[in-house]
Amino acid sequence: MQHSTIRNADKIYVIEKGKIIEEGTHSELIKANKLYTSLWNVQTGKALISNKI
């Protein structure tokens, strides 16, 4: 999926181990600075991949 598709979604759900752990717009999730932000930064090349992700 392209980055623009994700950014323009009305609502994004982050699922971990079968449970929704985050939900919101791209901007809301980035501001929350949780798992979505980490995944976004890796996907866009803004973060180094670590063993934590």
PDB file of N, CA and C in Angstrom:
ATOM      1  N   MET A   1       0.845  -1.172   0.000  1.00  0.00           N
ATOM      2  CA  MET A   1       0.000   0.000   0.000  1.00  0.00           C
ATOM      3  C   MET A   1       0.892   1.237   0.000  1.00  0.00           C
ATOM      4  N   GLN A   2       0.509   2.230  -0.737  1.00  0.00           N
ATOM      5  CA  GLN A   2       1.307   3.439  -0.829  1.00  0.00           C
ATOM      6  C   GLN A   2       1.105   4.325   0.387  1.00  0.00           C
ATOM      7  N   HIS A   3       2.118   5.099   0.703  1.00  0.00           N
ATOM      8  CA  HIS A   3       2.059   5.995   1.858  1.00  0.00           C
ATOM      9  C   HIS A   3       0.881   6.960   1.760  1.00  0.00           C
ATOM     10  N   SER A   4       0.599   7.482   0.566  1.00  0.00           N
ATOM     11  CA  SER A   4      -0.499   8.443   0.420  1.00  0.00           C
ATOM     12  C   SER A   4      -1.843   7.794   0.714  1.00  0.00           C
ATOM     13  N   THR A   5      -1.994   6.510   0.409  1.00  0.00           N
ATOM     14  CA  THR A   5      -3.236   5.797   0.694  1.00  0.00           C
ATOM     15  C   THR A   5      -3.466   5.730   2.199  1.00  0.00           C
ATOM     16  N   ILE A   6      -2.438   5.425   2.933  1.00  0.00           N
ATOM     17  CA  ILE A   6      -2.544   5.348   4.393  1.00  0.00           C
ATOM     18  C   ILE A   6      -2.836   6.726   4.978  1.00  0.00           C
ATOM     19  N   ARG A   7      -2.087   7.733   4.566  1.00  0.00           N
ATOM     20  CA  ARG A   7      -2.265   9.088   5.117  1.00  0.00           C
ATOM     21  C   ARG A   7      -3.668   9.611   4.887  1.00  0.00           C
ATOM     22  N   ASN A   8      -4.297   9.228   3.795  1.00  0.00           N
ATOM     23  CA  ASN A   8      -5.621   9.758   3.451  1.00  0.00           C
ATOM     24  C   ASN A   8      -6.781   8.912   3.971  1.00  0.00           C
ATOM     25  N   ALA A   9      -6.496   7.838   4.677  1.00  0.00           N
ATOM     26  CA  ALA A   9      -7.568   6.982   5.202  1.00  0.00           C
ATOM     27  C   ALA A   9      -8.358   7.730   6.280  1.00  0.00           C
ATOM     28  N   ASP A  10      -9.665   7.487   6.332  1.00  0.00           N
ATOM     29  CA  ASP A  10     -10.516   8.108   7.354  1.00  0.00           C
ATOM     30  C   ASP A  10     -10.169   7.597   8.754  1.00  0.00           C
ATOM     31  N   LYS A  11      -9.850   6.321   8.846  1.00  0.00           N
ATOM     32  CA  LYS A  11      -9.500   5.735  10.134  1.00  0.00           C
ATOM     33  C   LYS A  11      -8.526   4.591   9.892  1.00  0.00           C
ATOM     34  N   ILE A  12      -7.526   4.519  10.735  1.00  0.00           N
ATOM     35  CA  ILE A  12      -6.508   3.475  10.660  1.00  0.00           C
ATOM     36  C   ILE A  12      -6.555   2.695  11.967  1.00  0.00           C
ATOM     37  N   TYR A  13      -6.496   1.381  11.868  1.00  0.00           N
ATOM     38  CA  TYR A  13      -6.457   0.519  13.046  1.00  0.00           C
ATOM     39  C   TYR A  13      -5.109  -0.175  13.088  1.00  0.00           C
ATOM     40  N   VAL A  14      -4.489  -0.187  14.239  1.00  0.00           N
ATOM     41  CA  VAL A  14      -3.238  -0.906  14.446  1.00  0.00           C
ATOM     42  C   VAL A  14      -3.580  -2.128  15.285  1.00  0.00           C
ATOM     43  N   ILE A  15      -3.297  -3.297  14.736  1.00  0.00           N
ATOM     44  CA  ILE A  15      -3.645  -4.549  15.392  1.00  0.00           C
ATOM     45  C   ILE A  15      -2.367  -5.286  15.783  1.00  0.00           C
ATOM     46  N   GLU A  16      -2.332  -5.713  17.022  1.00  0.00           N
ATOM     47  CA  GLU A  16      -1.187  -6.477  17.522  1.00  0.00           C
ATOM     48  C   GLU A  16      -1.725  -7.679  18.287  1.00  0.00           C
ATOM     49  N   LYS A  17      -1.267  -8.852  17.911  1.00  0.00           N
ATOM     50  CA  LYS A  17      -1.702 -10.104  18.551  1.00  0.00           C
ATOM     51  C   LYS A  17      -3.223 -10.223  18.569  1.00  0.00           C
ATOM     52  N   GLY A  18      -3.855  -9.801  17.474  1.00  0.00           N
ATOM     53  CA  GLY A  18      -5.289  -9.955  17.319  1.00  0.00           C
ATOM     54  C   GLY A  18      -6.140  -8.895  18.015  1.00  0.00           C
ATOM     55  N   LYS A  19      -5.511  -7.912  18.634  1.00  0.00           N
ATOM     56  CA  LYS A  19      -6.254  -6.871  19.341  1.00  0.00           C
ATOM     57  C   LYS A  19      -5.936  -5.499  18.765  1.00  0.00           C
ATOM     58  N   ILE A  20      -6.962  -4.647  18.689  1.00  0.00           N
ATOM     59  CA  ILE A  20      -6.749  -3.269  18.243  1.00  0.00           C
ATOM     60  C   ILE A  20      -6.062  -2.521  19.382  1.00  0.00           C
ATOM     61  N   ILE A  21      -4.873  -2.008  19.103  1.00  0.00           N
ATOM     62  CA  ILE A  21      -4.130  -1.295  20.140  1.00  0.00           C
ATOM     63  C   ILE A  21      -4.092   0.211  19.894  1.00  0.00           C
ATOM     64  N   GLU A  22      -4.393   0.624  18.662  1.00  0.00           N
ATOM     65  CA  GLU A  22      -4.447   2.045  18.323  1.00  0.00           C
ATOM     66  C   GLU A  22      -5.477   2.229  17.223  1.00  0.00           C
ATOM     67  N   GLU A  23      -6.116   3.398  17.206  1.00  0.00           N
ATOM     68  CA  GLU A  23      -6.990   3.739  16.091  1.00  0.00           C
ATOM     69  C   GLU A  23      -7.066   5.249  15.976  1.00  0.00           C
ATOM     70  N   GLY A  24      -7.211   5.716  14.749  1.00  0.00           N
ATOM     71  CA  GLY A  24      -7.322   7.144  14.500  1.00  0.00           C
ATOM     72  C   GLY A  24      -6.886   7.477  13.093  1.00  0.00           C
ATOM     73  N   THR A  25      -6.796   8.759  12.816  1.00  0.00           N
ATOM     74  CA  THR A  25      -6.279   9.203  11.523  1.00  0.00           C
ATOM     75  C   THR A  25      -4.752   9.107  11.562  1.00  0.00           C
ATOM     76  N   HIS A  26      -4.151   9.266  10.413  1.00  0.00           N
ATOM     77  CA  HIS A  26      -2.683   9.247  10.344  1.00  0.00           C
ATOM     78  C   HIS A  26      -2.099  10.290  11.291  1.00  0.00           C
ATOM     79  N   SER A  27      -2.612  11.496  11.245  1.00  0.00           N
ATOM     80  CA  SER A  27      -2.090  12.583  12.090  1.00  0.00           C
ATOM     81  C   SER A  27      -2.241  12.264  13.574  1.00  0.00           C
ATOM     82  N   GLU A  28      -3.393  11.742  13.945  1.00  0.00           N
ATOM     83  CA  GLU A  28      -3.635  11.396  15.351  1.00  0.00           C
ATOM     84  C   GLU A  28      -2.677  10.317  15.832  1.00  0.00           C
ATOM     85  N   LEU A  29      -2.459   9.318  14.990  1.00  0.00           N
ATOM     86  CA  LEU A  29      -1.577   8.218  15.373  1.00  0.00           C
ATOM     87  C   LEU A  29      -0.116   8.658  15.436  1.00  0.00           C
ATOM     88  N   ILE A  30       0.288   9.528  14.534  1.00  0.00           N
ATOM     89  CA  ILE A  30       1.659  10.051  14.572  1.00  0.00           C
ATOM     90  C   ILE A  30       1.863  10.863  15.850  1.00  0.00           C
ATOM     91  N   LYS A  31       0.900  11.686  16.190  1.00  0.00           N
ATOM     92  CA  LYS A  31       1.003  12.503  17.414  1.00  0.00           C
ATOM     93  C   LYS A  31       1.051  11.642  18.673  1.00  0.00           C
ATOM     94  N   ALA A  32       0.377  10.488  18.652  1.00  0.00           N
ATOM     95  CA  ALA A  32       0.362   9.595  19.810  1.00  0.00           C
ATOM     96  C   ALA A  32       1.743   8.984  20.070  1.00  0.00           C
ATOM     97  N   ASN A  33       2.553   8.892  19.025  1.00  0.00           N
ATOM     98  CA  ASN A  33       3.941   8.423  19.129  1.00  0.00           C
ATOM     99  C   ASN A  33       4.055   7.037  19.772  1.00  0.00           C
ATOM    100  N   LYS A  34       3.253   6.108  19.262  1.00  0.00           N
ATOM    101  CA  LYS A  34       3.297   4.726  19.752  1.00  0.00           C
ATOM    102  C   LYS A  34       3.748   3.805  18.620  1.00  0.00           C
ATOM    103  N   LEU A  35       3.212   2.594  18.553  1.00  0.00           N
ATOM    104  CA  LEU A  35       3.648   1.605  17.568  1.00  0.00           C
ATOM    105  C   LEU A  35       3.462   2.090  16.136  1.00  0.00           C
ATOM    106  N   TYR A  36       2.315   2.708  15.826  1.00  0.00           N
ATOM    107  CA  TYR A  36       2.079   3.183  14.460  1.00  0.00           C
ATOM    108  C   TYR A  36       3.200   4.117  14.015  1.00  0.00           C
ATOM    109  N   THR A  37       3.585   5.025  14.888  1.00  0.00           N
ATOM    110  CA  THR A  37       4.642   5.974  14.539  1.00  0.00           C
ATOM    111  C   THR A  37       5.944   5.246  14.257  1.00  0.00           C
ATOM    112  N   SER A  38       6.266   4.261  15.070  1.00  0.00           N
ATOM    113  CA  SER A  38       7.488   3.480  14.848  1.00  0.00           C
ATOM    114  C   SER A  38       7.448   2.757  13.509  1.00  0.00           C
ATOM    115  N   LEU A  39       6.320   2.128  13.217  1.00  0.00           N
ATOM    116  CA  LEU A  39       6.185   1.414  11.947  1.00  0.00           C
ATOM    117  C   LEU A  39       6.244   2.379  10.769  1.00  0.00           C
ATOM    118  N   TRP A  40       5.599   3.527  10.890  1.00  0.00           N
ATOM    119  CA  TRP A  40       5.608   4.543   9.832  1.00  0.00           C
ATOM    120  C   TRP A  40       7.037   5.022   9.574  1.00  0.00           C
ATOM    121  N   ASN A  41       7.773   5.276  10.638  1.00  0.00           N
ATOM    122  CA  ASN A  41       9.146   5.759  10.484  1.00  0.00           C
ATOM    123  C   ASN A  41      10.041   4.729   9.809  1.00  0.00           C
ATOM    124  N   VAL A  42       9.856   3.471  10.120  1.00  0.00           N
ATOM    125  CA  VAL A  42      10.631   2.419   9.454  1.00  0.00           C
ATOM    126  C   VAL A  42      10.243   2.349   7.981  1.00  0.00           C
ATOM    127  N   GLN A  43       8.943   2.362   7.708  1.00  0.00           N
ATOM    128  CA  GLN A  43       8.451   2.245   6.335  1.00  0.00           C
ATOM    129  C   GLN A  43       8.927   3.406   5.456  1.00  0.00           C
ATOM    130  N   THR A  44       9.002   4.601   6.027  1.00  0.00           N
ATOM    131  CA  THR A  44       9.383   5.781   5.253  1.00  0.00           C
ATOM    132  C   THR A  44      10.874   6.072   5.321  1.00  0.00           C
ATOM    133  N   GLY A  45      11.621   5.204   6.023  1.00  0.00           N
ATOM    134  CA  GLY A  45      13.055   5.370   6.087  1.00  0.00           C
ATOM    135  C   GLY A  45      13.514   6.413   7.094  1.00  0.00           C
ATOM    136  N   LYS A  46      12.649   6.801   8.008  1.00  0.00           N
ATOM    137  CA  LYS A  46      12.999   7.824   8.998  1.00  0.00           C
ATOM    138  C   LYS A  46      13.599   7.232  10.273  1.00  0.00           C
ATOM    139  N   ALA A  47      13.625   5.936  10.372  1.00  0.00           N
ATOM    140  CA  ALA A  47      14.154   5.294  11.562  1.00  0.00           C
ATOM    141  C   ALA A  47      14.995   4.094  11.173  1.00  0.00           C
ATOM    142  N   LEU A  48      15.931   3.784  12.014  1.00  0.00           N
ATOM    143  CA  LEU A  48      16.724   2.572  11.814  1.00  0.00           C
ATOM    144  C   LEU A  48      15.923   1.399  12.339  1.00  0.00           C
ATOM    145  N   ILE A  49      15.992   0.297  11.648  1.00  0.00           N
ATOM    146  CA  ILE A  49      15.286  -0.907  12.082  1.00  0.00           C
ATOM    147  C   ILE A  49      16.029  -1.477  13.290  1.00  0.00           C
ATOM    148  N   SER A  50      15.297  -1.755  14.350  1.00  0.00           N
ATOM    149  CA  SER A  50      15.888  -2.345  15.546  1.00  0.00           C
ATOM    150  C   SER A  50      15.201  -3.652  15.864  1.00  0.00           C
ATOM    151  N   ASN A  51      15.702  -4.350  16.837  1.00  0.00           N
ATOM    152  CA  ASN A  51      15.095  -5.613  17.244  1.00  0.00           C
ATOM    153  C   ASN A  51      13.780  -5.419  17.975  1.00  0.00           C
ATOM    154  N   LYS A  52      13.452  -4.198  18.375  1.00  0.00           N
ATOM    155  CA  LYS A  52      12.230  -3.937  19.125  1.00  0.00           C
ATOM    156  C   LYS A  52      10.999  -3.945  18.233  1.00  0.00           C
ATOM    157  N   ILE A  53      11.157  -3.770  16.942  1.00  0.00           N
ATOM    158  CA  ILE A  53       9.999  -3.711  16.033  1.00  0.00           C
ATOM    159  C   ILE A  53       9.848  -5.034  15.346  1.00  0.00           C
TER     160      ILE A  53
END
